[in-house]
Amino acid sequence: MGKKAKANIEGLGEDITLEEAQFLWDEYKYRHELCWKLIFQVTTAVVAILVIPYIRLDITKSVGLWILALPCLAIILVVFAKSRLTRELEILAKIRTAHRERQGQKHHIAWTSDGHFTRDVTRYLIGLILVSIADIFALVYVWWPI
């Protein structure tokens, strides 16, 4: 099949080239993997930042309350990651919708929902912020008095 080969999408009312269908699938995979990569990167960075005060107590005591800058930095990092992920998730949602429409038409797959990936990612990032806030309280009220 050459460049002009067509993939007839039944009931969609249009033909798309195999290259266009492949592009849609590749873009879907790329955006999905990118979102997961960003989630893992921000999680790793936040966990690393949050455990620093507990690794070396002597350093924590010597810098005093400035150690609270670390959980604040973690919160800022999550907020920045959320803004970046929001853009990627919007693009992914558009591609996912187009991909699922074509799957439904061609293979009669009934998608009952657009998925909850965006909602779950948002909840996860809010959870990271809450863990960072809890770390501030732990440092001030539990760890610091020791």
Protein backbone atom coordinates (compact mmCIF):
# COMPACT_ATOMS: atom_id res chain seq x y z
CA MET A 1 0.00 0.00 0.00
CA GLY A 2 1.42 3.31 -1.06
CA LYS A 3 1.22 6.84 0.19
CA LYS A 4 -2.19 7.28 -1.42
CA ALA A 5 -3.65 4.24 0.36
CA LYS A 6 -6.85 5.03 2.16
CA ALA A 7 -8.30 3.64 5.34
CA ASN A 8 -12.05 3.74 4.96
CA ILE A 9 -13.57 4.63 8.30
CA GLU A 10 -17.10 3.25 8.10
CA GLY A 11 -19.86 5.65 9.01
CA LEU A 12 -17.50 8.54 9.67
CA GLY A 13 -18.30 10.13 6.37
CA GLU A 14 -14.67 10.65 5.46
CA ASP A 15 -11.60 8.75 4.45
CA ILE A 16 -8.28 9.31 6.11
CA THR A 17 -4.94 8.15 4.85
CA LEU A 18 -3.09 5.43 6.65
CA GLU A 19 -0.40 7.98 7.38
CA GLU A 20 -2.97 10.22 9.09
CA ALA A 21 -4.31 7.31 11.12
CA GLN A 22 -0.77 6.32 12.11
CA PHE A 23 0.03 9.93 13.01
CA LEU A 24 -3.04 10.08 15.25
CA TRP A 25 -2.02 6.88 17.04
CA ASP A 26 1.63 7.97 17.38
CA GLU A 27 0.59 11.36 18.73
CA TYR A 28 -1.75 9.69 21.22
CA LYS A 29 1.03 7.41 22.47
CA TYR A 30 3.53 10.29 22.63
CA ARG A 31 1.22 12.59 24.62
CA HIS A 32 0.19 9.81 27.01
CA GLU A 33 3.81 8.82 27.65
CA LEU A 34 4.80 12.48 28.06
CA CYS A 35 2.11 13.01 30.69
CA TRP A 36 3.25 9.94 32.63
CA LYS A 37 6.88 11.02 32.33
CA LEU A 38 6.05 14.44 33.78
CA ILE A 39 4.07 12.83 36.61
CA PHE A 40 6.97 10.55 37.53
CA GLN A 41 9.49 13.38 37.31
CA VAL A 42 7.55 15.72 39.56
CA THR A 43 6.87 12.90 42.03
CA THR A 44 10.56 12.01 42.21
CA ALA A 45 11.58 15.64 42.67
CA VAL A 46 8.96 16.33 45.35
CA VAL A 47 9.80 13.20 47.33
CA ALA A 48 13.53 14.01 47.14
CA ILE A 49 12.89 17.56 48.33
CA LEU A 50 10.60 16.47 51.16
CA VAL A 51 12.96 13.85 52.62
CA ILE A 52 16.02 16.12 52.77
CA PRO A 53 15.21 17.51 56.26
CA TYR A 54 14.93 13.99 57.68
CA ILE A 55 18.21 12.67 56.30
CA ARG A 56 20.66 14.84 58.23
CA LEU A 57 19.31 16.21 61.49
CA ASP A 58 22.47 18.25 62.13
CA ILE A 59 21.99 20.20 58.90
CA THR A 60 18.28 20.64 59.59
CA LYS A 61 19.04 22.10 63.03
CA SER A 62 21.79 24.37 61.70
CA VAL A 63 19.62 26.05 59.05
CA GLY A 64 16.73 26.51 61.46
CA LEU A 65 13.33 27.37 60.11
CA TRP A 66 14.83 28.00 56.67
CA ILE A 67 14.35 24.28 56.20
CA LEU A 68 10.69 25.09 55.59
CA ALA A 69 11.75 26.52 52.24
CA LEU A 70 12.08 22.95 50.96
CA PRO A 71 8.42 21.93 51.31
CA CYS A 72 7.46 25.37 49.94
CA LEU A 73 9.70 24.67 46.95
CA ALA A 74 7.95 21.32 46.51
CA ILE A 75 4.57 23.09 46.43
CA ILE A 76 5.83 25.56 43.84
CA LEU A 77 7.18 22.69 41.76
CA VAL A 78 3.82 20.88 41.82
CA VAL A 79 1.95 24.05 40.84
CA PHE A 80 4.33 24.57 37.93
CA ALA A 81 4.00 20.93 36.89
CA LYS A 82 0.21 21.23 37.05
CA SER A 83 0.26 24.17 34.65
CA ARG A 84 2.50 22.26 32.25
CA LEU A 85 0.47 19.06 32.55
CA THR A 86 -2.80 20.93 32.01
CA ARG A 87 -1.67 21.97 28.53
CA GLU A 88 -0.51 18.46 27.69
CA LEU A 89 -3.69 16.88 29.07
CA GLU A 90 -5.83 19.21 26.95
CA ILE A 91 -3.96 18.15 23.82
CA LEU A 92 -4.16 14.50 24.87
CA ALA A 93 -7.93 14.79 25.41
CA LYS A 94 -8.45 16.12 21.88
CA ILE A 95 -6.32 13.38 20.37
CA ARG A 96 -7.96 10.71 22.55
CA THR A 97 -11.42 11.89 21.47
CA ALA A 98 -10.50 11.77 17.79
CA HIS A 99 -8.84 8.38 18.19
CA ARG A 100 -11.80 6.89 20.07
CA GLU A 101 -14.29 8.26 17.54
CA ARG A 102 -12.42 6.49 14.78
CA GLN A 103 -12.16 3.29 16.85
CA GLY A 104 -15.87 3.40 17.56
CA GLN A 105 -16.75 3.87 13.92
CA LYS A 106 -14.32 1.34 12.51
CA HIS A 107 -14.39 -1.37 15.19
CA HIS A 108 -17.73 -0.63 16.88
CA ILE A 109 -16.12 -0.03 20.26
CA ALA A 110 -18.54 1.80 22.55
CA TRP A 111 -16.73 4.25 24.80
CA THR A 112 -19.00 5.12 27.69
CA SER A 113 -16.77 7.82 29.05
CA ASP A 114 -13.93 10.02 27.94
CA GLY A 115 -11.91 8.56 30.79
CA HIS A 116 -10.82 10.05 34.03
CA PHE A 117 -7.13 10.48 33.38
CA THR A 118 -7.19 14.29 33.65
CA ARG A 119 -9.28 14.18 36.82
CA ASP A 120 -7.03 11.54 38.39
CA VAL A 121 -3.85 13.44 37.52
CA THR A 122 -5.30 16.59 39.07
CA ARG A 123 -6.24 14.72 42.24
CA TYR A 124 -2.79 13.18 42.42
CA LEU A 125 -1.07 16.55 42.13
CA ILE A 126 -3.37 18.00 44.79
CA GLY A 127 -2.33 15.04 46.94
CA LEU A 128 1.33 15.96 46.44
CA ILE A 129 0.57 19.51 47.55
CA LEU A 130 -1.24 18.21 50.64
CA VAL A 131 1.72 15.96 51.49
CA SER A 132 4.01 18.99 51.18
CA ILE A 133 1.77 21.01 53.50
CA ALA A 134 1.69 18.11 55.96
CA ASP A 135 5.49 18.06 55.79
CA ILE A 136 5.59 21.73 56.82
CA PHE A 137 3.44 20.94 59.87
CA ALA A 138 5.54 17.86 60.67
CA LEU A 139 8.73 19.92 60.54
CA VAL A 140 7.35 22.71 62.70
CA TYR A 141 5.33 20.79 65.28
CA VAL A 142 6.86 17.33 65.44
CA TRP A 143 10.37 17.21 64.03
CA TRP A 144 11.65 20.67 64.97
CA PRO A 145 11.02 20.42 68.75
CA ILE A 146 13.24 17.31 68.96
